[in-house]
Amino acid sequence: VPKNNLENFQVYPNPNNGQFTITNSQEMTDVIITDLQGKIIYNSNNINLNKVNVELNNLERGMYMINIQTNDGMITKTVTIQ
C-alpha cells in the first residue's frame, strides 16, 4: 500500500464512545471492524465512500481493529472504545 494512503486514513475521535468517523483519501470499498480475537463486529461492503460514520454504542470498552479495503489493498488501524 502506498505510504500516502496510510497517512490519509483517519479514525476520529479516537478514543471514543462507540461513535466515530473513518475517512480515507481513496475510496473505501469495504470496512470491517473486529475485536482483538478477530470476531467481526461491523461489516460494510461495496460502499465506495471516502467517509463512513460508525455507531457501535453497544460495544464493550477496549481496542478494536478497523480494516479498510481500497482498490490498492487493505489498511488496518486500531480504535479505542471507552
C-alpha atoms as a PDB file:
ATOM      1  CA  VAL A   1       0.000   0.000   0.000  1.00  0.00           C
ATOM      2  CA  PRO A   2       1.494   3.365  -0.931  1.00  0.00           C
ATOM      3  CA  LYS A   3       2.563   5.409   2.082  1.00  0.00           C
ATOM      4  CA  ASN A   4       0.396   8.403   1.184  1.00  0.00           C
ATOM      5  CA  ASN A   5      -2.750   6.262   1.535  1.00  0.00           C
ATOM      6  CA  LEU A   6      -1.739   5.342   5.088  1.00  0.00           C
ATOM      7  CA  GLU A   7      -1.286   8.987   6.043  1.00  0.00           C
ATOM      8  CA  ASN A   8      -4.777   9.836   4.779  1.00  0.00           C
ATOM      9  CA  PHE A   9      -6.583   7.020   6.636  1.00  0.00           C
ATOM     10  CA  GLN A  10      -8.059   8.594   9.767  1.00  0.00           C
ATOM     11  CA  VAL A  11     -10.301   7.458  12.599  1.00  0.00           C
ATOM     12  CA  TYR A  12     -11.705  10.172  14.833  1.00  0.00           C
ATOM     13  CA  PRO A  13     -12.367  10.776  17.587  1.00  0.00           C
ATOM     14  CA  ASN A  14     -10.066   8.116  18.963  1.00  0.00           C
ATOM     15  CA  PRO A  15     -10.635   7.120  21.733  1.00  0.00           C
ATOM     16  CA  ASN A  16     -14.419   7.422  21.554  1.00  0.00           C
ATOM     17  CA  ASN A  17     -17.702   6.122  22.998  1.00  0.00           C
ATOM     18  CA  GLY A  18     -18.595   3.891  20.036  1.00  0.00           C
ATOM     19  CA  GLN A  19     -19.471   6.674  17.590  1.00  0.00           C
ATOM     20  CA  PHE A  20     -16.659   7.607  15.234  1.00  0.00           C
ATOM     21  CA  THR A  21     -15.836   8.543  11.665  1.00  0.00           C
ATOM     22  CA  ILE A  22     -13.460   6.797   9.259  1.00  0.00           C
ATOM     23  CA  THR A  23     -12.026   8.810   6.385  1.00  0.00           C
ATOM     24  CA  ASN A  24      -9.573   7.989   3.627  1.00  0.00           C
ATOM     25  CA  SER A  25      -8.367   9.950   0.621  1.00  0.00           C
ATOM     26  CA  GLN A  26      -9.023   6.949  -1.619  1.00  0.00           C
ATOM     27  CA  GLU A  27     -12.485   5.390  -1.791  1.00  0.00           C
ATOM     28  CA  MET A  28     -13.011   2.575   0.695  1.00  0.00           C
ATOM     29  CA  THR A  29     -14.748  -0.419  -0.844  1.00  0.00           C
ATOM     30  CA  ASP A  30     -15.186  -2.372   2.406  1.00  0.00           C
ATOM     31  CA  VAL A  31     -14.960  -1.543   6.113  1.00  0.00           C
ATOM     32  CA  ILE A  32     -14.597  -4.413   8.590  1.00  0.00           C
ATOM     33  CA  ILE A  33     -14.213  -3.894  12.332  1.00  0.00           C
ATOM     34  CA  THR A  34     -13.112  -6.791  14.525  1.00  0.00           C
ATOM     35  CA  ASP A  35     -12.303  -7.311  18.166  1.00  0.00           C
ATOM     36  CA  LEU A  36      -8.766  -8.337  19.083  1.00  0.00           C
ATOM     37  CA  GLN A  37      -9.735 -12.023  18.782  1.00  0.00           C
ATOM     38  CA  GLY A  38     -10.744 -11.473  15.153  1.00  0.00           C
ATOM     39  CA  LYS A  39     -14.522 -11.656  15.626  1.00  0.00           C
ATOM     40  CA  ILE A  40     -16.270  -9.385  13.118  1.00  0.00           C
ATOM     41  CA  ILE A  41     -18.472  -6.830  14.879  1.00  0.00           C
ATOM     42  CA  TYR A  42     -19.113  -4.478  11.941  1.00  0.00           C
ATOM     43  CA  ASN A  43     -19.027  -5.176   8.219  1.00  0.00           C
ATOM     44  CA  SER A  44     -19.963  -2.830   5.397  1.00  0.00           C
ATOM     45  CA  ASN A  45     -19.297  -3.998   1.829  1.00  0.00           C
ATOM     46  CA  ASN A  46     -19.362  -2.315  -1.581  1.00  0.00           C
ATOM     47  CA  ILE A  47     -19.627   1.151  -0.098  1.00  0.00           C
ATOM     48  CA  ASN A  48     -17.213   3.113  -2.358  1.00  0.00           C
ATOM     49  CA  LEU A  49     -17.061   6.080   0.004  1.00  0.00           C
ATOM     50  CA  ASN A  50     -14.310   8.330   1.367  1.00  0.00           C
ATOM     51  CA  LYS A  51     -16.101   8.839   4.698  1.00  0.00           C
ATOM     52  CA  VAL A  52     -18.023   6.380   6.886  1.00  0.00           C
ATOM     53  CA  ASN A  53     -19.809   7.207  10.153  1.00  0.00           C
ATOM     54  CA  VAL A  54     -19.911   4.260  12.553  1.00  0.00           C
ATOM     55  CA  GLU A  55     -22.237   3.863  15.544  1.00  0.00           C
ATOM     56  CA  LEU A  56     -21.390   0.928  17.780  1.00  0.00           C
ATOM     57  CA  ASN A  57     -22.816   2.085  21.099  1.00  0.00           C
ATOM     58  CA  ASN A  58     -23.261  -1.467  22.419  1.00  0.00           C
ATOM     59  CA  LEU A  59     -19.559  -2.368  22.365  1.00  0.00           C
ATOM     60  CA  GLU A  60     -17.562  -3.167  25.448  1.00  0.00           C
ATOM     61  CA  ARG A  61     -14.658  -0.909  26.288  1.00  0.00           C
ATOM     62  CA  GLY A  62     -11.414  -1.889  24.643  1.00  0.00           C
ATOM     63  CA  MET A  63      -9.430  -1.873  21.445  1.00  0.00           C
ATOM     64  CA  TYR A  64     -10.813  -2.864  18.063  1.00  0.00           C
ATOM     65  CA  MET A  65      -9.217  -3.295  14.648  1.00  0.00           C
ATOM     66  CA  ILE A  66     -10.538  -1.314  11.676  1.00  0.00           C
ATOM     67  CA  ASN A  67      -9.712  -2.843   8.300  1.00  0.00           C
ATOM     68  CA  ILE A  68     -10.476  -0.812   5.213  1.00  0.00           C
ATOM     69  CA  GLN A  69     -10.226  -2.208   1.723  1.00  0.00           C
ATOM     70  CA  THR A  70      -9.347   0.100  -1.157  1.00  0.00           C
ATOM     71  CA  ASN A  71      -8.526  -0.680  -4.764  1.00  0.00           C
ATOM     72  CA  ASP A  72      -4.842  -0.680  -3.732  1.00  0.00           C
ATOM     73  CA  GLY A  73      -5.184  -3.115  -0.822  1.00  0.00           C
ATOM     74  CA  MET A  74      -6.123  -3.332   2.844  1.00  0.00           C
ATOM     75  CA  ILE A  75      -5.134  -0.911   5.611  1.00  0.00           C
ATOM     76  CA  THR A  76      -5.606  -1.582   9.330  1.00  0.00           C
ATOM     77  CA  LYS A  77      -5.810   0.797  12.290  1.00  0.00           C
ATOM     78  CA  THR A  78      -6.916   0.423  15.886  1.00  0.00           C
ATOM     79  CA  VAL A  79      -9.704   2.295  17.624  1.00  0.00           C
ATOM     80  CA  THR A  80     -10.300   2.507  21.371  1.00  0.00           C
ATOM     81  CA  ILE A  81     -13.813   2.459  22.840  1.00  0.00           C
ATOM     82  CA  GLN A  82     -14.035   3.997  26.309  1.00  0.00           C
END
